[in-house]
Amino acid sequence: MAAYTDLIMCLGVLVLFLAFPAAVGAFSRGAPPRGALVSIAVGGSMIVYANASRPGGYPLEEMPTLFLRVLTGA
């Protein structure tokens, strides 16, 4: 189960990271940022779920090695 929580954490961070350009684009067009808000909610809930599923949570210092571990499959 730990491998899936690592993947969920990485995907949540990625979704959250991609939501900010969508929000900026929506604000610059004068449109409501509905898609960005949904992405922020989904990414945030993925991060909270992964952090709650792992005993001790994910320290910030571990994020680069977590992404490498998920990408390389190690």
C-alpha atoms as a PDB file:
ATOM      1  CA  MET A   1       0.000   0.000   0.000  1.00  0.00           C
ATOM      2  CA  ALA A   2       2.936   2.347   0.536  1.00  0.00           C
ATOM      3  CA  ALA A   3       3.723   2.439  -3.175  1.00  0.00           C
ATOM      4  CA  TYR A   4       0.228   3.629  -3.968  1.00  0.00           C
ATOM      5  CA  THR A   5       0.289   6.320  -1.319  1.00  0.00           C
ATOM      6  CA  ASP A   6       3.598   7.551  -2.731  1.00  0.00           C
ATOM      7  CA  LEU A   7       2.024   7.723  -6.185  1.00  0.00           C
ATOM      8  CA  ILE A   8      -1.071   9.477  -4.844  1.00  0.00           C
ATOM      9  CA  MET A   9       1.140  12.036  -3.081  1.00  0.00           C
ATOM     10  CA  CYS A  10       3.131  12.727  -6.259  1.00  0.00           C
ATOM     11  CA  LEU A  11       0.007  13.034  -8.388  1.00  0.00           C
ATOM     12  CA  GLY A  12      -1.613  15.323  -5.828  1.00  0.00           C
ATOM     13  CA  VAL A  13       1.399  17.634  -5.811  1.00  0.00           C
ATOM     14  CA  LEU A  14       1.445  17.626  -9.618  1.00  0.00           C
ATOM     15  CA  VAL A  15      -2.287  18.423  -9.879  1.00  0.00           C
ATOM     16  CA  LEU A  16      -1.903  21.188  -7.313  1.00  0.00           C
ATOM     17  CA  PHE A  17       1.125  22.559  -9.161  1.00  0.00           C
ATOM     18  CA  LEU A  18      -0.780  22.653 -12.468  1.00  0.00           C
ATOM     19  CA  ALA A  19      -3.843  24.301 -10.927  1.00  0.00           C
ATOM     20  CA  PHE A  20      -2.058  27.587 -10.302  1.00  0.00           C
ATOM     21  CA  PRO A  21      -1.396  28.460 -13.984  1.00  0.00           C
ATOM     22  CA  ALA A  22      -5.023  27.581 -14.721  1.00  0.00           C
ATOM     23  CA  ALA A  23      -6.174  29.948 -11.980  1.00  0.00           C
ATOM     24  CA  VAL A  24      -3.932  32.760 -13.222  1.00  0.00           C
ATOM     25  CA  GLY A  25      -5.185  32.247 -16.783  1.00  0.00           C
ATOM     26  CA  ALA A  26      -8.798  32.318 -15.680  1.00  0.00           C
ATOM     27  CA  PHE A  27      -8.280  35.471 -13.638  1.00  0.00           C
ATOM     28  CA  SER A  28      -6.497  37.185 -16.543  1.00  0.00           C
ATOM     29  CA  ARG A  29      -9.416  36.389 -18.875  1.00  0.00           C
ATOM     30  CA  GLY A  30     -11.898  37.616 -16.298  1.00  0.00           C
ATOM     31  CA  ALA A  31     -13.516  34.190 -16.089  1.00  0.00           C
ATOM     32  CA  PRO A  32     -14.305  32.380 -12.852  1.00  0.00           C
ATOM     33  CA  PRO A  33     -11.585  29.832 -12.048  1.00  0.00           C
ATOM     34  CA  ARG A  34     -13.926  26.854 -11.631  1.00  0.00           C
ATOM     35  CA  GLY A  35     -11.585  24.275 -13.134  1.00  0.00           C
ATOM     36  CA  ALA A  36      -8.664  25.555 -11.098  1.00  0.00           C
ATOM     37  CA  LEU A  37     -10.695  25.402  -7.887  1.00  0.00           C
ATOM     38  CA  VAL A  38     -11.728  21.826  -8.633  1.00  0.00           C
ATOM     39  CA  SER A  39      -8.095  20.943  -9.347  1.00  0.00           C
ATOM     40  CA  ILE A  40      -6.982  22.554  -6.094  1.00  0.00           C
ATOM     41  CA  ALA A  41      -9.622  20.598  -4.186  1.00  0.00           C
ATOM     42  CA  VAL A  42      -8.710  17.292  -5.867  1.00  0.00           C
ATOM     43  CA  GLY A  43      -4.948  17.793  -5.502  1.00  0.00           C
ATOM     44  CA  GLY A  44      -5.281  18.927  -1.907  1.00  0.00           C
ATOM     45  CA  SER A  45      -7.462  15.990  -0.975  1.00  0.00           C
ATOM     46  CA  MET A  46      -5.001  13.584  -2.613  1.00  0.00           C
ATOM     47  CA  ILE A  47      -2.175  15.084  -0.562  1.00  0.00           C
ATOM     48  CA  VAL A  48      -4.185  14.922   2.658  1.00  0.00           C
ATOM     49  CA  TYR A  49      -5.205  11.297   1.979  1.00  0.00           C
ATOM     50  CA  ALA A  50      -1.636  10.203   1.219  1.00  0.00           C
ATOM     51  CA  ASN A  51      -0.262  12.052   4.238  1.00  0.00           C
ATOM     52  CA  ALA A  52      -2.887  10.530   6.531  1.00  0.00           C
ATOM     53  CA  SER A  53      -2.363   7.029   5.138  1.00  0.00           C
ATOM     54  CA  ARG A  54       1.341   6.938   5.912  1.00  0.00           C
ATOM     55  CA  PRO A  55       2.415   6.626   9.541  1.00  0.00           C
ATOM     56  CA  GLY A  56       4.336   9.774  10.394  1.00  0.00           C
ATOM     57  CA  GLY A  57       3.312  11.530   7.180  1.00  0.00           C
ATOM     58  CA  TYR A  58       5.635  12.885   4.506  1.00  0.00           C
ATOM     59  CA  PRO A  59       8.307  15.332   5.638  1.00  0.00           C
ATOM     60  CA  LEU A  60       9.087  18.124   3.175  1.00  0.00           C
ATOM     61  CA  GLU A  61      12.718  17.033   2.959  1.00  0.00           C
ATOM     62  CA  GLU A  62      11.640  13.668   1.555  1.00  0.00           C
ATOM     63  CA  MET A  63       9.702  15.070  -1.446  1.00  0.00           C
ATOM     64  CA  PRO A  64      12.579  15.048  -3.989  1.00  0.00           C
ATOM     65  CA  THR A  65      13.498  11.450  -3.164  1.00  0.00           C
ATOM     66  CA  LEU A  66       9.817  10.510  -3.178  1.00  0.00           C
ATOM     67  CA  PHE A  67       9.397  11.818  -6.725  1.00  0.00           C
ATOM     68  CA  LEU A  68      12.551  10.027  -7.868  1.00  0.00           C
ATOM     69  CA  ARG A  69      11.404   6.814  -6.222  1.00  0.00           C
ATOM     70  CA  VAL A  70       8.015   7.001  -7.963  1.00  0.00           C
ATOM     71  CA  LEU A  71       9.472   7.932 -11.345  1.00  0.00           C
ATOM     72  CA  THR A  72      12.165   5.266 -11.336  1.00  0.00           C
ATOM     73  CA  GLY A  73      10.053   2.580  -9.722  1.00  0.00           C
ATOM     74  CA  ALA A  74      12.680   1.842  -7.113  1.00  0.00           C
END
